[in-house]
PDB file of N, CA and C in Angstrom:
ATOM      1  N   UNK A   1       9.766  -2.542  10.200  1.00  0.00           N
ATOM      2  CA  UNK A   1       8.816  -3.946   9.898  1.00  0.00           C
ATOM      3  C   UNK A   1      10.128  -4.443   8.545  1.00  0.00           C
ATOM      4  N   UNK A   2      10.229  -5.698   7.959  1.00  0.00           N
ATOM      5  CA  UNK A   2      11.109  -6.092   7.171  1.00  0.00           C
ATOM      6  C   UNK A   2      10.720  -5.601   5.916  1.00  0.00           C
ATOM      7  N   UNK A   3      11.553  -6.203   4.828  1.00  0.00           N
ATOM      8  CA  UNK A   3      10.801  -5.801   3.978  1.00  0.00           C
ATOM      9  C   UNK A   3      10.345  -7.710   3.178  1.00  0.00           C
ATOM     10  N   UNK A   4      10.534  -8.613   3.474  1.00  0.00           N
ATOM     11  CA  UNK A   4       9.756 -10.096   3.518  1.00  0.00           C
ATOM     12  C   UNK A   4       8.612  -9.435   4.105  1.00  0.00           C
ATOM     13  N   UNK A   5       8.672  -8.829   4.898  1.00  0.00           N
ATOM     14  CA  UNK A   5       6.583  -8.767   5.575  1.00  0.00           C
ATOM     15  C   UNK A   5       6.135  -7.963   4.753  1.00  0.00           C
ATOM     16  N   UNK A   6       6.364  -6.780   4.067  1.00  0.00           N
ATOM     17  CA  UNK A   6       5.601  -5.808   3.305  1.00  0.00           C
ATOM     18  C   UNK A   6       5.587  -7.146   1.835  1.00  0.00           C
ATOM     19  N   UNK A   7       6.436  -7.803   1.428  1.00  0.00           N
ATOM     20  CA  UNK A   7       6.736  -8.870   0.432  1.00  0.00           C
ATOM     21  C   UNK A   7       4.784  -9.528   0.733  1.00  0.00           C
ATOM     22  N   UNK A   8       5.084 -10.254   1.884  1.00  0.00           N
ATOM     23  CA  UNK A   8       3.788 -11.286   2.557  1.00  0.00           C
ATOM     24  C   UNK A   8       2.811 -10.805   2.408  1.00  0.00           C
ATOM     25  N   UNK A   9       2.808  -9.273   2.941  1.00  0.00           N
ATOM     26  CA  UNK A   9       1.255  -8.371   2.883  1.00  0.00           C
ATOM     27  C   UNK A   9       1.322  -8.559   1.579  1.00  0.00           C
ATOM     28  N   UNK A  10       1.724  -7.840   0.617  1.00  0.00           N
ATOM     29  CA  UNK A  10       1.852  -7.231  -0.562  1.00  0.00           C
ATOM     30  C   UNK A  10       0.767  -8.584  -1.526  1.00  0.00           C
ATOM     31  N   UNK A  11       1.598 -10.078  -1.559  1.00  0.00           N
ATOM     32  CA  UNK A  11       0.977 -10.850  -2.068  1.00  0.00           C
ATOM     33  C   UNK A  11      -0.379 -11.433  -1.210  1.00  0.00           C
ATOM     34  N   UNK A  12      -0.897 -11.466  -0.071  1.00  0.00           N
ATOM     35  CA  UNK A  12      -1.983 -11.510   0.740  1.00  0.00           C
ATOM     36  C   UNK A  12      -3.075 -10.873   0.039  1.00  0.00           C
ATOM     37  N   UNK A  13      -3.070  -9.407  -0.272  1.00  0.00           N
ATOM     38  CA  UNK A  13      -3.609  -8.353  -0.566  1.00  0.00           C
ATOM     39  C   UNK A  13      -3.964  -8.501  -2.133  1.00  0.00           C
ATOM     40  N   UNK A  14      -3.074  -8.470  -2.702  1.00  0.00           N
ATOM     41  CA  UNK A  14      -2.979  -9.349  -4.073  1.00  0.00           C
ATOM     42  C   UNK A  14      -3.897 -10.162  -4.507  1.00  0.00           C
ATOM     43  N   UNK A  15      -3.635 -11.472  -3.698  1.00  0.00           N
ATOM     44  CA  UNK A  15      -4.897 -12.843  -3.870  1.00  0.00           C
ATOM     45  C   UNK A  15      -6.164 -12.378  -2.868  1.00  0.00           C
ATOM     46  N   UNK A  16      -6.150 -11.807  -2.044  1.00  0.00           N
ATOM     47  CA  UNK A  16      -7.262 -11.428  -1.424  1.00  0.00           C
ATOM     48  C   UNK A  16      -7.941 -10.282  -2.662  1.00  0.00           C
ATOM     49  N   UNK A  17      -8.086 -10.415  -3.977  1.00  0.00           N
ATOM     50  CA  UNK A  17      -8.103  -9.472  -4.361  1.00  0.00           C
ATOM     51  C   UNK A  17      -8.180  -9.784  -5.360  1.00  0.00           C
ATOM     52  N   UNK A  18      -8.416 -11.242  -5.689  1.00  0.00           N
ATOM     53  CA  UNK A  18      -8.894 -11.654  -6.630  1.00  0.00           C
ATOM     54  C   UNK A  18      -7.701 -11.965  -7.756  1.00  0.00           C
ATOM     55  N   UNK A  19      -6.606 -11.700  -7.523  1.00  0.00           N
ATOM     56  CA  UNK A  19      -5.074 -12.084  -8.379  1.00  0.00           C
ATOM     57  C   UNK A  19      -4.901 -13.284  -8.954  1.00  0.00           C
ATOM     58  N   UNK A  20      -5.688 -13.780  -9.485  1.00  0.00           N
ATOM     59  CA  UNK A  20      -4.496 -15.446 -10.030  1.00  0.00           C
ATOM     60  C   UNK A  20      -3.589 -15.472  -9.564  1.00  0.00           C
ATOM     61  N   UNK A  21      -3.642 -16.962  -8.868  1.00  0.00           N
ATOM     62  CA  UNK A  21      -2.323 -16.932  -8.007  1.00  0.00           C
ATOM     63  C   UNK A  21      -1.147 -17.678  -8.788  1.00  0.00           C
ATOM     64  N   UNK A  22      -1.338 -17.912 -10.189  1.00  0.00           N
ATOM     65  CA  UNK A  22      -0.069 -17.685 -11.106  1.00  0.00           C
ATOM     66  C   UNK A  22      -0.059 -16.300 -11.058  1.00  0.00           C
ATOM     67  N   UNK A  23       0.083 -15.509 -11.397  1.00  0.00           N
ATOM     68  CA  UNK A  23       0.168 -14.199 -11.514  1.00  0.00           C
ATOM     69  C   UNK A  23       0.971 -13.653 -10.304  1.00  0.00           C
ATOM     70  N   UNK A  24       0.699 -13.537  -8.722  1.00  0.00           N
ATOM     71  CA  UNK A  24       1.236 -13.615  -8.080  1.00  0.00           C
ATOM     72  C   UNK A  24       2.081 -14.390  -7.391  1.00  0.00           C
ATOM     73  N   UNK A  25       2.105 -15.576  -7.962  1.00  0.00           N
ATOM     74  CA  UNK A  25       3.732 -16.129  -8.292  1.00  0.00           C
ATOM     75  C   UNK A  25       4.785 -15.867  -8.366  1.00  0.00           C
ATOM     76  N   UNK A  26       4.033 -16.052  -9.650  1.00  0.00           N
ATOM     77  CA  UNK A  26       5.010 -14.793 -11.336  1.00  0.00           C
ATOM     78  C   UNK A  26       6.034 -13.598 -10.796  1.00  0.00           C
ATOM     79  N   UNK A  27       5.297 -12.696  -9.837  1.00  0.00           N
ATOM     80  CA  UNK A  27       5.324 -11.606  -9.351  1.00  0.00           C
ATOM     81  C   UNK A  27       6.524 -12.235  -8.588  1.00  0.00           C
ATOM     82  N   UNK A  28       6.151 -12.627  -7.572  1.00  0.00           N
ATOM     83  CA  UNK A  28       7.102 -13.117  -6.486  1.00  0.00           C
ATOM     84  C   UNK A  28       8.299 -13.294  -6.532  1.00  0.00           C
ATOM     85  N   UNK A  29       8.430 -14.266  -8.252  1.00  0.00           N
ATOM     86  CA  UNK A  29       9.476 -14.716  -8.749  1.00  0.00           C
ATOM     87  C   UNK A  29       9.367 -16.733  -7.934  1.00  0.00           C
ATOM     88  N   UNK A  30       8.557 -17.405  -7.564  1.00  0.00           N
ATOM     89  CA  UNK A  30       8.624 -18.020  -6.749  1.00  0.00           C
ATOM     90  C   UNK A  30       8.780 -19.302  -8.156  1.00  0.00           C
ATOM     91  N   UNK A  31       9.524 -20.425  -8.135  1.00  0.00           N
ATOM     92  CA  UNK A  31       9.857 -21.289  -9.021  1.00  0.00           C
ATOM     93  C   UNK A  31       8.600 -21.938 -10.006  1.00  0.00           C
ATOM     94  N   UNK A  32       7.942 -22.535  -8.697  1.00  0.00           N
ATOM     95  CA  UNK A  32       6.748 -22.994  -9.117  1.00  0.00           C
ATOM     96  C   UNK A  32       4.953 -22.395  -7.658  1.00  0.00           C
ATOM     97  N   UNK A  33       4.077 -22.698  -8.520  1.00  0.00           N
ATOM     98  CA  UNK A  33       2.623 -22.111  -8.063  1.00  0.00           C
ATOM     99  C   UNK A  33       2.636 -23.293  -6.450  1.00  0.00           C
ATOM    100  N   UNK A  34       2.979 -24.093  -6.636  1.00  0.00           N
ATOM    101  CA  UNK A  34       3.069 -24.816  -5.463  1.00  0.00           C
ATOM    102  C   UNK A  34       3.322 -24.019  -4.284  1.00  0.00           C
ATOM    103  N   UNK A  35       5.108 -23.372  -4.290  1.00  0.00           N
ATOM    104  CA  UNK A  35       5.466 -22.494  -3.132  1.00  0.00           C
ATOM    105  C   UNK A  35       3.981 -21.768  -2.280  1.00  0.00           C
ATOM    106  N   UNK A  36       3.914 -20.952  -3.516  1.00  0.00           N
ATOM    107  CA  UNK A  36       2.725 -20.271  -2.800  1.00  0.00           C
ATOM    108  C   UNK A  36       1.822 -19.952  -2.609  1.00  0.00           C
ATOM    109  N   UNK A  37       1.072 -21.276  -3.357  1.00  0.00           N
ATOM    110  CA  UNK A  37       0.059 -22.067  -2.709  1.00  0.00           C
ATOM    111  C   UNK A  37       0.474 -21.983  -1.187  1.00  0.00           C
ATOM    112  N   UNK A  38       1.384 -22.900  -0.826  1.00  0.00           N
ATOM    113  CA  UNK A  38       2.029 -23.326   0.563  1.00  0.00           C
ATOM    114  C   UNK A  38       2.246 -22.274   1.262  1.00  0.00           C
ATOM    115  N   UNK A  39       2.949 -21.438   0.981  1.00  0.00           N
ATOM    116  CA  UNK A  39       2.895 -19.978   2.196  1.00  0.00           C
ATOM    117  C   UNK A  39       1.678 -19.282   1.972  1.00  0.00           C
ATOM    118  N   UNK A  40       0.889 -19.152   0.967  1.00  0.00           N
ATOM    119  CA  UNK A  40      -0.318 -17.994   1.022  1.00  0.00           C
ATOM    120  C   UNK A  40      -1.771 -18.689   1.308  1.00  0.00           C
ATOM    121  N   UNK A  41      -1.434 -20.089   2.276  1.00  0.00           N
ATOM    122  CA  UNK A  41      -3.221 -21.319   1.818  1.00  0.00           C
ATOM    123  C   UNK A  41      -3.940 -20.193   2.990  1.00  0.00           C
ATOM    124  N   UNK A  42      -3.266 -19.229   3.979  1.00  0.00           N
ATOM    125  CA  UNK A  42      -4.286 -18.765   4.668  1.00  0.00           C
ATOM    126  C   UNK A  42      -5.533 -17.673   4.107  1.00  0.00           C
ATOM    127  N   UNK A  43      -4.684 -17.334   3.116  1.00  0.00           N
ATOM    128  CA  UNK A  43      -5.819 -16.665   1.893  1.00  0.00           C
ATOM    129  C   UNK A  43      -6.524 -17.469   1.313  1.00  0.00           C
ATOM    130  N   UNK A  44      -6.977 -18.315   1.515  1.00  0.00           N
ATOM    131  CA  UNK A  44      -7.886 -19.234   0.171  1.00  0.00           C
ATOM    132  C   UNK A  44      -9.070 -19.457   0.725  1.00  0.00           C
ATOM    133  N   UNK A  45      -8.843 -19.667   2.643  1.00  0.00           N
ATOM    134  CA  UNK A  45     -10.575 -20.102   2.641  1.00  0.00           C
ATOM    135  C   UNK A  45     -11.547 -18.578   1.964  1.00  0.00           C
ATOM    136  N   UNK A  46     -10.877 -17.733   2.602  1.00  0.00           N
ATOM    137  CA  UNK A  46     -12.346 -16.434   1.621  1.00  0.00           C
ATOM    138  C   UNK A  46     -11.844 -16.920   0.530  1.00  0.00           C
ATOM    139  N   UNK A  47     -11.487 -17.060  -0.350  1.00  0.00           N
ATOM    140  CA  UNK A  47     -11.512 -17.387  -2.018  1.00  0.00           C
ATOM    141  C   UNK A  47     -12.258 -18.067  -1.966  1.00  0.00           C
ATOM    142  N   UNK A  48     -12.929 -19.066  -1.723  1.00  0.00           N
ATOM    143  CA  UNK A  48     -13.581 -20.217  -1.392  1.00  0.00           C
ATOM    144  C   UNK A  48     -15.285 -19.283  -2.030  1.00  0.00           C
ATOM    145  N   UNK A  49     -15.665 -18.652  -0.916  1.00  0.00           N
ATOM    146  CA  UNK A  49     -16.337 -18.245  -0.476  1.00  0.00           C
ATOM    147  C   UNK A  49     -16.874 -17.283  -1.890  1.00  0.00           C
ATOM    148  N   UNK A  50     -15.731 -16.436  -2.425  1.00  0.00           N
ATOM    149  CA  UNK A  50     -15.523 -15.352  -3.571  1.00  0.00           C
ATOM    150  C   UNK A  50     -15.849 -16.446  -4.400  1.00  0.00           C
ATOM    151  N   UNK A  51     -15.598 -18.096  -4.897  1.00  0.00           N
ATOM    152  CA  UNK A  51     -16.173 -18.187  -5.910  1.00  0.00           C
ATOM    153  C   UNK A  51     -17.666 -19.198  -5.824  1.00  0.00           C
ATOM    154  N   UNK A  52     -17.966 -19.190  -4.846  1.00  0.00           N
ATOM    155  CA  UNK A  52     -19.259 -19.494  -4.617  1.00  0.00           C
ATOM    156  C   UNK A  52     -20.756 -18.476  -4.923  1.00  0.00           C
ATOM    157  N   UNK A  53     -20.144 -17.421  -4.541  1.00  0.00           N
ATOM    158  CA  UNK A  53     -20.648 -16.327  -4.886  1.00  0.00           C
ATOM    159  C   UNK A  53     -20.673 -15.828  -6.282  1.00  0.00           C
ATOM    160  N   UNK A  54     -19.514 -16.506  -7.329  1.00  0.00           N
ATOM    161  CA  UNK A  54     -19.783 -15.842  -8.232  1.00  0.00           C
ATOM    162  C   UNK A  54     -20.183 -16.617  -9.237  1.00  0.00           C
ATOM    163  N   UNK A  55     -20.121 -17.894  -8.501  1.00  0.00           N
ATOM    164  CA  UNK A  55     -20.817 -19.023  -9.364  1.00  0.00           C
ATOM    165  C   UNK A  55     -22.918 -18.997  -9.325  1.00  0.00           C
ATOM    166  N   UNK A  56     -23.110 -18.497  -7.835  1.00  0.00           N
ATOM    167  CA  UNK A  56     -24.220 -18.070  -7.724  1.00  0.00           C
ATOM    168  C   UNK A  56     -24.508 -16.463  -8.079  1.00  0.00           C
ATOM    169  N   UNK A  57     -23.911 -15.721  -8.704  1.00  0.00           N
ATOM    170  CA  UNK A  57     -24.309 -14.656  -9.465  1.00  0.00           C
ATOM    171  C   UNK A  57     -24.252 -14.984 -11.165  1.00  0.00           C
ATOM    172  N   UNK A  58     -23.610 -15.735 -11.934  1.00  0.00           N
ATOM    173  CA  UNK A  58     -23.384 -16.437 -12.617  1.00  0.00           C
ATOM    174  C   UNK A  58     -25.175 -16.931 -12.830  1.00  0.00           C
ATOM    175  N   UNK A  59     -25.857 -18.424 -12.296  1.00  0.00           N
ATOM    176  CA  UNK A  59     -26.956 -19.002 -12.398  1.00  0.00           C
ATOM    177  C   UNK A  59     -27.581 -18.538 -11.473  1.00  0.00           C
ATOM    178  N   UNK A  60     -28.068 -16.399 -11.178  1.00  0.00           N
ATOM    179  CA  UNK A  60     -29.173 -16.467 -10.394  1.00  0.00           C
ATOM    180  C   UNK A  60     -30.139 -15.648 -11.602  1.00  0.00           C
TER     181      UNK A  60
END
């Protein structure tokens, strides 16, 4: 396993647990959040469902 693989796994796990993308981006040392969003966009579809669930919980 390469260091890059560990870094990618850590970022994916953090994002999937709801850590704000800005924080993940800073932890990875990316120059801007756009790099993080482009690199880890595969995590976002599940996050959309989490956001919908959170809104439902707020208004239910």
